[in-house]
Amino acid sequence: VARTTLLPGLLKTVAANRKMPLPLQLFEISDVVLKDESKDVGARNCRRFCAIYYNKTPGFEVIHGLLDRTMQLLEVKAARGEGYHIQAADDSTFFPGRCAEIFVRGKSVGRLGVLHPDVINRFELTMPCSALEMDIEPFLGHTAETLLTHDVPMQETIKHQFPAHSQSQAALPSRTPTTKTVFGDMSSQAGLKALNDFLADRSYIEGFAATQADAAVFDAIPSPPSQAFCHLRRWYSHIKSFQTERVRLPSAKTQFVLPPTPPASTNNTSEDDIDLFASDDEEESTEAARIREQRLAEYVAKKSKKPALVAKSSILLDVKPWDDDTDMAKLEECVRSVAMEGLLWGQSKLVPVGYGIKKLQIGCVVEDDKVGTDLLEGAITAFEEYVQSVDVAAFNKI
């Protein structure tokens, strides 16, 4: 999505979390796309910072305090000229008279204020909200068009310059002179297919982050893979983005790329001792492929035996009878007769309501994917002779 502002994304997040405890304080740092006729594509990227405060009160002072604190950390003084200041502005996004424009060194970088009620209502929100959105590129010393391959602390961006693209390319190591890997020969279709199958459910060769193992296997691939190997192509493009900082990647724990010339064996090899990588053939041997497939099948079988995590919830229900003449024992019997897959009834008790009437308070544990509160309430209220209504007294995720 090419966004021109970050504010709608935060408002959607607030709308999806309206039941969470207040206040809701969210922020995002990301790129927006702005029209620019000087660019070949007619647009440019701009990195912005957006924050939002949602509570029973507008909280303009909170969002203003966030701006002051941010400028303090960026070592920008509150002063006109070389510092920063705000001044009143008109913007239909914000409430009239509660909007201010942010100026840094005489240049407008963003706005803050209390959102207009029409904007809040469009996102089905019911409480006031204040927001701040500003351009952060003047503080970074670079534009969003620069390829960033690692996170840069905000306080260090002014002191450190990013390396030029030509300098980074000059530091790249040469490609590995061999195409032999533990997955097979990367110059063959069989080897590429084996690596593609390996990456079907993995993001990296080893662990959960890019390492030297990914860089080594990347170098062993002589040319970009074809569209037929979708998983391999996805991984290849991702690892290619690390080329400017590959020297800083963590070391590999296992060797995935084989030496150019395998050591010659001095002993006779028995049928049980099969050397998977001693063959000089470009295609992997049939026996080596069989053993590899067998090991992959054993791994998949072992992984499939692990129990899947089941989301459960603890629910406390208030079941109200029609009057004091209702047989509460029969009512509880009817409630416990409701049986569903993923439903387990717990303890119960009678709680006085008033005028001699008691309600049944009963607990249960349900699997979220199988039993919902609406389904449970509908099944219980079906006993119209005994049950007047059912309310959820408590709902907790387990």
Protein backbone atom coordinates (compact mmCIF):
# COMPACT_ATOMS: atom_id res chain seq x y z
CA VAL A 1 0.00 0.00 0.00
CA ALA A 2 1.38 3.40 -0.96
CA ARG A 3 0.31 5.56 1.99
CA THR A 4 0.39 9.35 1.92
CA THR A 5 -0.04 9.56 5.72
CA LEU A 6 0.45 7.21 8.69
CA LEU A 7 -2.52 8.48 10.73
CA PRO A 8 -5.29 6.21 9.27
CA GLY A 9 -3.29 3.09 10.11
CA LEU A 10 -3.05 4.07 13.77
CA LEU A 11 -6.75 4.98 13.90
CA LYS A 12 -7.65 1.56 12.48
CA THR A 13 -5.52 -0.08 15.16
CA VAL A 14 -7.30 1.93 17.87
CA ALA A 15 -10.70 1.01 16.41
CA ALA A 16 -9.76 -2.68 16.56
CA ASN A 17 -8.68 -2.36 20.21
CA ARG A 18 -11.45 -0.19 21.68
CA LYS A 19 -12.03 -2.70 24.48
CA MET A 20 -8.47 -2.44 25.74
CA PRO A 21 -7.75 -0.38 28.89
CA LEU A 22 -7.39 3.36 28.32
CA PRO A 23 -5.41 5.33 27.43
CA LEU A 24 -4.23 3.87 24.11
CA GLN A 25 -0.87 5.31 23.08
CA LEU A 26 0.50 4.13 19.74
CA PHE A 27 3.21 5.22 17.32
CA GLU A 28 4.65 4.18 13.97
CA ILE A 29 7.79 5.09 12.02
CA SER A 30 7.49 4.23 8.34
CA ASP A 31 7.58 5.59 4.80
CA VAL A 32 4.88 7.54 2.99
CA VAL A 33 4.74 8.19 -0.77
CA LEU A 34 4.48 11.76 -2.02
CA LYS A 35 4.19 13.14 -5.54
CA ASP A 36 7.46 14.50 -6.92
CA GLU A 37 7.70 15.48 -10.59
CA SER A 38 11.50 15.59 -10.37
CA LYS A 39 11.62 11.79 -9.92
CA ASP A 40 11.50 9.34 -12.81
CA VAL A 41 8.44 7.62 -11.34
CA GLY A 42 6.73 10.87 -10.36
CA ALA A 43 6.87 10.11 -6.64
CA ARG A 44 9.30 9.77 -3.75
CA ASN A 45 9.48 8.08 -0.36
CA CYS A 46 9.52 10.13 2.82
CA ARG A 47 10.12 8.66 6.29
CA ARG A 48 7.68 9.90 8.94
CA PHE A 49 6.88 9.50 12.60
CA CYS A 50 3.26 9.39 13.78
CA ALA A 51 1.88 9.07 17.33
CA ILE A 52 -1.66 8.98 18.68
CA TYR A 53 -3.25 9.39 22.14
CA TYR A 54 -6.79 8.05 22.69
CA ASN A 55 -8.53 8.61 26.02
CA LYS A 56 -11.59 10.14 27.72
CA THR A 57 -9.89 13.53 27.45
CA PRO A 58 -8.25 14.92 24.27
CA GLY A 59 -4.73 14.90 25.74
CA PHE A 60 -3.28 17.67 23.57
CA GLU A 61 -0.76 18.38 26.32
CA VAL A 62 0.37 14.75 26.18
CA ILE A 63 1.05 14.80 22.44
CA HIS A 64 2.70 18.23 22.77
CA GLY A 65 4.91 16.85 25.54
CA LEU A 66 5.92 13.97 23.26
CA LEU A 67 7.04 16.47 20.63
CA ASP A 68 9.10 18.41 23.18
CA ARG A 69 10.70 15.22 24.51
CA THR A 70 11.51 14.03 20.99
CA MET A 71 13.18 17.32 20.12
CA GLN A 72 15.11 17.22 23.40
CA LEU A 73 16.54 13.80 22.53
CA LEU A 74 17.41 15.05 19.04
CA GLU A 75 19.19 18.01 20.66
CA VAL A 76 17.01 20.58 18.88
CA LYS A 77 16.29 23.60 21.04
CA ALA A 78 12.88 25.24 21.37
CA ALA A 79 13.60 28.49 19.56
CA ARG A 80 12.87 30.14 16.24
CA GLY A 81 15.58 30.17 13.60
CA GLU A 82 17.94 27.23 14.29
CA GLY A 83 15.54 25.51 16.70
CA TYR A 84 11.94 24.40 16.50
CA HIS A 85 8.61 26.03 17.27
CA ILE A 86 4.90 25.50 16.62
CA GLN A 87 2.26 27.93 15.44
CA ALA A 88 -1.50 27.74 14.89
CA ALA A 89 -2.67 26.19 11.63
CA ASP A 90 -5.90 25.22 9.86
CA ASP A 91 -6.32 21.60 8.85
CA SER A 92 -9.64 19.81 8.27
CA THR A 93 -8.20 16.70 9.92
CA PHE A 94 -7.97 18.49 13.26
CA PHE A 95 -10.45 20.38 15.45
CA PRO A 96 -10.60 24.11 14.65
CA GLY A 97 -8.33 26.07 16.96
CA ARG A 98 -6.63 22.90 18.26
CA CYS A 99 -4.12 22.35 15.45
CA ALA A 100 -0.49 23.49 15.27
CA GLU A 101 2.18 23.28 12.56
CA ILE A 102 5.72 22.21 13.51
CA PHE A 103 8.65 24.22 12.14
CA VAL A 104 12.29 23.12 12.43
CA ARG A 105 14.97 25.60 11.30
CA GLY A 106 12.26 27.57 9.54
CA LYS A 107 10.90 24.59 7.56
CA SER A 108 7.52 22.91 8.16
CA VAL A 109 7.98 19.23 9.12
CA GLY A 110 4.53 18.23 10.40
CA ARG A 111 1.43 18.95 12.45
CA LEU A 112 -0.14 18.02 15.77
CA GLY A 113 -3.48 18.61 17.44
CA VAL A 114 -6.86 17.21 18.46
CA LEU A 115 -8.59 15.24 15.72
CA HIS A 116 -11.87 16.54 14.31
CA PRO A 117 -15.01 14.68 15.53
CA ASP A 118 -15.90 13.79 11.92
CA VAL A 119 -12.58 11.98 11.54
CA ILE A 120 -13.07 10.11 14.81
CA ASN A 121 -16.61 9.08 13.86
CA ARG A 122 -15.47 7.75 10.48
CA PHE A 123 -13.34 5.21 12.36
CA GLU A 124 -16.25 4.34 14.70
CA LEU A 125 -14.47 5.82 17.72
CA THR A 126 -16.38 7.43 20.59
CA MET A 127 -13.71 9.32 22.54
CA PRO A 128 -11.47 12.29 21.73
CA CYS A 129 -8.07 11.69 20.24
CA SER A 130 -4.93 13.75 19.65
CA ALA A 131 -2.21 12.98 17.12
CA LEU A 132 1.21 14.04 15.91
CA GLU A 133 2.73 13.35 12.49
CA MET A 134 6.05 14.75 11.31
CA ASP A 135 8.85 14.19 8.83
CA ILE A 136 11.98 12.80 10.49
CA GLU A 137 14.36 12.92 7.52
CA PRO A 138 15.78 16.34 8.50
CA PHE A 139 17.14 14.68 11.67
CA LEU A 140 18.55 11.55 10.03
CA GLY A 141 21.04 13.08 7.63
CA HIS A 142 19.67 10.99 4.74
CA THR A 143 16.44 10.43 2.83
CA ALA A 144 14.12 7.44 2.76
CA GLU A 145 15.45 6.69 -0.72
CA THR A 146 18.69 5.46 0.90
CA LEU A 147 18.77 1.70 1.38
CA LEU A 148 18.89 1.07 5.13
CA THR A 149 20.00 -2.47 5.98
CA HIS A 150 20.15 -2.09 9.76
CA ASP A 151 18.56 -0.05 12.50
CA VAL A 152 20.35 3.21 13.36
CA PRO A 153 19.83 4.72 16.85
CA MET A 154 18.20 8.14 16.65
CA GLN A 155 20.91 9.83 18.76
CA GLU A 156 23.73 8.63 16.49
CA THR A 157 22.31 9.42 13.08
CA ILE A 158 23.62 12.98 13.04
CA LYS A 159 27.13 11.92 14.05
CA HIS A 160 27.56 8.98 11.66
CA GLN A 161 27.29 9.06 7.89
CA PHE A 162 26.04 6.12 5.90
CA PRO A 163 28.61 4.53 3.57
CA ALA A 164 28.33 5.36 -0.09
CA HIS A 165 26.85 2.68 -2.32
CA SER A 166 30.07 2.33 -4.32
CA GLN A 167 32.16 1.86 -1.16
CA SER A 168 29.82 -0.83 0.14
CA GLN A 169 29.95 -2.72 -3.14
CA ALA A 170 33.74 -2.64 -3.14
CA ALA A 171 33.85 -4.42 0.21
CA LEU A 172 31.77 -7.40 -0.98
CA PRO A 173 33.66 -10.70 -0.90
CA SER A 174 34.05 -12.75 -4.03
CA ARG A 175 31.69 -15.63 -4.69
CA THR A 176 32.47 -19.08 -3.38
CA PRO A 177 34.36 -21.05 -6.07
CA THR A 178 32.20 -24.14 -5.47
CA THR A 179 28.53 -24.87 -6.10
CA LYS A 180 28.46 -28.05 -3.98
CA THR A 181 26.28 -27.81 -0.85
CA VAL A 182 24.64 -30.23 1.55
CA PHE A 183 21.47 -29.82 -0.52
CA GLY A 184 23.23 -30.87 -3.72
CA ASP A 185 24.93 -29.10 -6.59
CA MET A 186 23.48 -25.60 -6.98
CA SER A 187 24.32 -25.63 -10.68
CA SER A 188 21.83 -28.48 -11.17
CA GLN A 189 18.05 -28.45 -11.12
CA ALA A 190 18.00 -31.25 -8.52
CA GLY A 191 20.09 -29.22 -6.09
CA LEU A 192 17.98 -26.10 -6.56
CA LYS A 193 14.79 -28.11 -6.05
CA ALA A 194 16.15 -29.63 -2.81
CA LEU A 195 17.01 -26.16 -1.47
CA ASN A 196 13.60 -24.83 -2.58
CA ASP A 197 11.85 -27.64 -0.65
CA PHE A 198 14.02 -26.94 2.39
CA LEU A 199 13.01 -23.25 2.38
CA ALA A 200 9.29 -24.00 1.96
CA ASP A 201 8.69 -23.46 5.71
CA ARG A 202 11.86 -21.56 6.65
CA SER A 203 13.01 -17.98 6.28
CA TYR A 204 16.72 -18.70 6.68
CA ILE A 205 19.16 -21.57 6.24
CA GLU A 206 19.95 -21.66 9.95
CA GLY A 207 17.94 -20.26 12.87
CA PHE A 208 15.59 -17.30 12.76
CA ALA A 209 17.90 -14.58 11.41
CA ALA A 210 20.31 -14.14 8.52
CA THR A 211 23.77 -15.60 9.19
CA GLN A 212 26.96 -16.43 7.32
CA ALA A 213 25.28 -19.73 6.41
CA ASP A 214 22.81 -17.82 4.23
CA ALA A 215 25.62 -15.79 2.67
CA ALA A 216 27.66 -18.92 1.88
CA VAL A 217 24.75 -20.77 0.24
CA PHE A 218 23.83 -17.57 -1.63
CA ASP A 219 27.33 -17.41 -3.10
CA ALA A 220 27.14 -21.06 -4.13
CA ILE A 221 24.18 -20.32 -6.44
CA PRO A 222 25.71 -19.31 -9.80
CA SER A 223 22.71 -17.30 -11.06
CA PRO A 224 19.32 -16.08 -9.78
CA PRO A 225 16.86 -18.98 -9.56
CA SER A 226 13.93 -19.24 -11.94
CA GLN A 227 10.30 -18.49 -11.13
CA ALA A 228 9.65 -22.22 -10.74
CA PHE A 229 11.47 -22.22 -7.39
CA CYS A 230 9.24 -19.69 -5.58
CA HIS A 231 10.56 -20.33 -2.04
CA LEU A 232 14.18 -20.23 -3.16
CA ARG A 233 13.58 -17.07 -5.17
CA ARG A 234 11.97 -15.35 -2.15
CA TRP A 235 14.95 -16.28 0.05
CA TYR A 236 17.46 -15.31 -2.66
CA SER A 237 16.01 -11.80 -3.02
CA HIS A 238 15.93 -11.35 0.76
CA ILE A 239 19.54 -12.42 1.33
CA LYS A 240 20.66 -10.28 -1.60
CA SER A 241 19.53 -7.21 0.38
CA PHE A 242 22.12 -8.04 3.07
CA GLN A 243 25.10 -7.89 0.71
CA THR A 244 26.27 -4.46 1.88
CA GLU A 245 26.54 -5.62 5.50
CA ARG A 246 27.19 -9.34 5.15
CA VAL A 247 30.53 -9.09 6.97
CA ARG A 248 28.58 -8.25 10.14
CA LEU A 249 26.23 -11.23 9.95
CA PRO A 250 26.56 -13.81 12.77
CA SER A 251 28.76 -16.83 12.17
CA ALA A 252 27.25 -20.07 10.94
CA LYS A 253 27.00 -23.00 13.36
CA THR A 254 27.10 -25.64 10.61
CA GLN A 255 28.95 -25.91 7.30
CA PHE A 256 26.44 -25.97 4.46
CA VAL A 257 28.82 -25.36 1.54
CA LEU A 258 31.31 -28.13 0.76
CA PRO A 259 35.00 -27.60 -0.11
CA PRO A 260 35.81 -27.31 -3.84
CA THR A 261 37.73 -30.61 -3.79
CA PRO A 262 36.54 -33.27 -1.34
CA PRO A 263 39.37 -35.10 0.46
CA ALA A 264 40.22 -38.43 -1.07
CA SER A 265 39.38 -41.47 0.98
CA THR A 266 42.26 -43.85 1.79
CA ASN A 267 40.05 -46.64 3.13
CA ASN A 268 37.63 -48.82 1.26
CA THR A 269 34.08 -47.58 1.75
CA SER A 270 31.50 -50.15 2.72
CA GLU A 271 27.95 -50.12 1.48
CA ASP A 272 26.74 -48.73 4.82
CA ASP A 273 29.24 -45.83 4.78
CA ILE A 274 27.93 -43.79 1.86
CA ASP A 275 29.77 -40.54 1.16
CA LEU A 276 27.08 -38.19 -0.10
CA PHE A 277 29.48 -35.61 -1.49
CA ALA A 278 32.49 -37.58 -2.82
CA SER A 279 30.98 -38.05 -6.27
CA ASP A 280 32.40 -35.97 -9.11
CA ASP A 281 29.11 -36.12 -11.02
CA GLU A 282 27.17 -32.88 -11.41
CA GLU A 283 23.90 -34.61 -10.40
CA GLU A 284 23.61 -36.06 -6.89
CA SER A 285 23.63 -39.85 -6.78
CA THR A 286 20.41 -41.83 -6.44
CA GLU A 287 21.52 -43.28 -3.11
CA ALA A 288 22.41 -39.86 -1.69
CA ALA A 289 19.03 -38.49 -2.76
CA ARG A 290 17.26 -41.44 -1.16
CA ILE A 291 19.02 -40.94 2.17
CA ARG A 292 18.37 -37.19 2.13
CA GLU A 293 14.66 -37.70 1.38
CA GLN A 294 14.48 -40.31 4.15
CA ARG A 295 15.98 -37.91 6.69
CA LEU A 296 13.63 -35.12 5.61
CA ALA A 297 10.66 -37.47 5.95
CA GLU A 298 11.78 -38.49 9.45
CA TYR A 299 12.09 -34.83 10.43
CA VAL A 300 8.62 -33.98 9.08
CA ALA A 301 7.12 -36.99 10.86
CA LYS A 302 8.77 -35.98 14.14
CA LYS A 303 7.60 -32.38 13.75
CA SER A 304 4.02 -33.44 13.01
CA LYS A 305 3.79 -35.31 16.33
CA LYS A 306 4.20 -32.13 18.33
CA PRO A 307 0.85 -31.07 19.79
CA ALA A 308 -0.59 -27.88 18.37
CA LEU A 309 -1.26 -24.99 20.73
CA VAL A 310 -5.00 -24.72 21.40
CA ALA A 311 -6.40 -21.33 22.42
CA LYS A 312 -8.81 -21.66 25.35
CA SER A 313 -10.89 -19.28 27.45
CA SER A 314 -12.46 -19.42 30.89
CA ILE A 315 -16.06 -18.14 30.94
CA LEU A 316 -18.32 -17.41 33.92
CA LEU A 317 -22.03 -17.34 33.04
CA ASP A 318 -24.98 -15.85 34.95
CA VAL A 319 -28.13 -17.88 34.17
CA LYS A 320 -31.27 -16.08 35.39
CA PRO A 321 -34.56 -17.95 36.03
CA TRP A 322 -38.07 -16.58 35.44
CA ASP A 323 -39.13 -16.34 39.12
CA ASP A 324 -38.59 -17.80 42.59
CA ASP A 325 -40.72 -20.85 41.73
CA THR A 326 -38.24 -22.08 39.10
CA ASP A 327 -36.59 -25.40 39.99
CA MET A 328 -32.91 -24.35 40.13
CA ALA A 329 -31.70 -27.96 40.32
CA LYS A 330 -33.55 -28.74 37.09
CA LEU A 331 -32.24 -25.51 35.57
CA GLU A 332 -28.63 -26.50 36.33
CA GLU A 333 -29.29 -29.97 34.94
CA CYS A 334 -30.51 -28.43 31.69
CA VAL A 335 -27.46 -26.15 31.48
CA ARG A 336 -25.02 -29.02 32.04
CA SER A 337 -26.84 -31.08 29.42
CA VAL A 338 -25.49 -28.72 26.76
CA ALA A 339 -22.61 -30.68 25.21
CA MET A 340 -20.27 -29.42 22.51
CA GLU A 341 -16.84 -30.37 21.29
CA GLY A 342 -14.34 -28.15 23.12
CA LEU A 343 -16.70 -27.38 26.05
CA LEU A 344 -15.98 -28.42 29.64
CA TRP A 345 -18.35 -27.40 32.48
CA GLY A 346 -16.91 -26.44 35.87
CA GLN A 347 -18.21 -25.49 39.32
CA SER A 348 -21.46 -23.66 39.95
CA LYS A 349 -23.28 -21.84 42.75
CA LEU A 350 -26.55 -20.04 43.43
CA VAL A 351 -26.25 -16.28 43.92
CA PRO A 352 -29.13 -14.25 45.49
CA VAL A 353 -30.55 -11.60 43.17
CA GLY A 354 -33.42 -10.19 45.24
CA TYR A 355 -37.00 -10.88 46.34
CA GLY A 356 -36.14 -14.51 47.01
CA ILE A 357 -34.88 -15.08 43.46
CA LYS A 358 -31.48 -16.69 42.89
CA LYS A 359 -29.43 -16.95 39.71
CA LEU A 360 -27.14 -19.82 38.68
CA GLN A 361 -23.51 -18.81 38.31
CA ILE A 362 -21.59 -21.52 36.46
CA GLY A 363 -18.12 -21.64 34.97
CA CYS A 364 -16.77 -23.44 31.93
CA VAL A 365 -13.64 -23.74 29.78
CA VAL A 366 -14.02 -23.58 25.99
CA GLU A 367 -11.75 -23.90 22.96
CA ASP A 368 -11.98 -20.57 21.16
CA ASP A 369 -12.01 -22.07 17.66
CA LYS A 370 -14.89 -24.43 18.45
CA VAL A 371 -17.18 -22.72 20.98
CA GLY A 372 -18.19 -19.05 21.08
CA THR A 373 -20.16 -17.17 23.72
CA ASP A 374 -23.03 -16.50 21.29
CA LEU A 375 -23.33 -20.19 20.49
CA LEU A 376 -23.24 -21.08 24.19
CA GLU A 377 -25.85 -18.48 25.18
CA GLY A 378 -28.17 -19.60 22.39
CA ALA A 379 -27.99 -23.24 23.48
CA ILE A 380 -28.83 -22.39 27.11
CA THR A 381 -31.68 -19.94 26.38
CA ALA A 382 -33.30 -22.71 24.33
CA PHE A 383 -34.61 -24.06 27.68
CA GLU A 384 -37.33 -21.38 27.73
CA GLU A 385 -39.30 -23.08 30.54
CA TYR A 386 -36.51 -22.45 33.07
CA VAL A 387 -34.11 -19.84 31.64
CA GLN A 388 -34.99 -16.17 31.25
CA SER A 389 -31.59 -14.84 30.13
CA VAL A 390 -27.85 -15.63 30.08
CA ASP A 391 -25.11 -13.06 30.67
CA VAL A 392 -21.33 -13.39 30.50
CA ALA A 393 -20.06 -12.41 33.96
CA ALA A 394 -16.35 -12.94 33.21
CA PHE A 395 -14.25 -13.89 30.18
CA ASN A 396 -10.53 -14.64 30.46
CA LYS A 397 -8.05 -16.04 27.95
CA ILE A 398 -6.08 -19.05 29.19
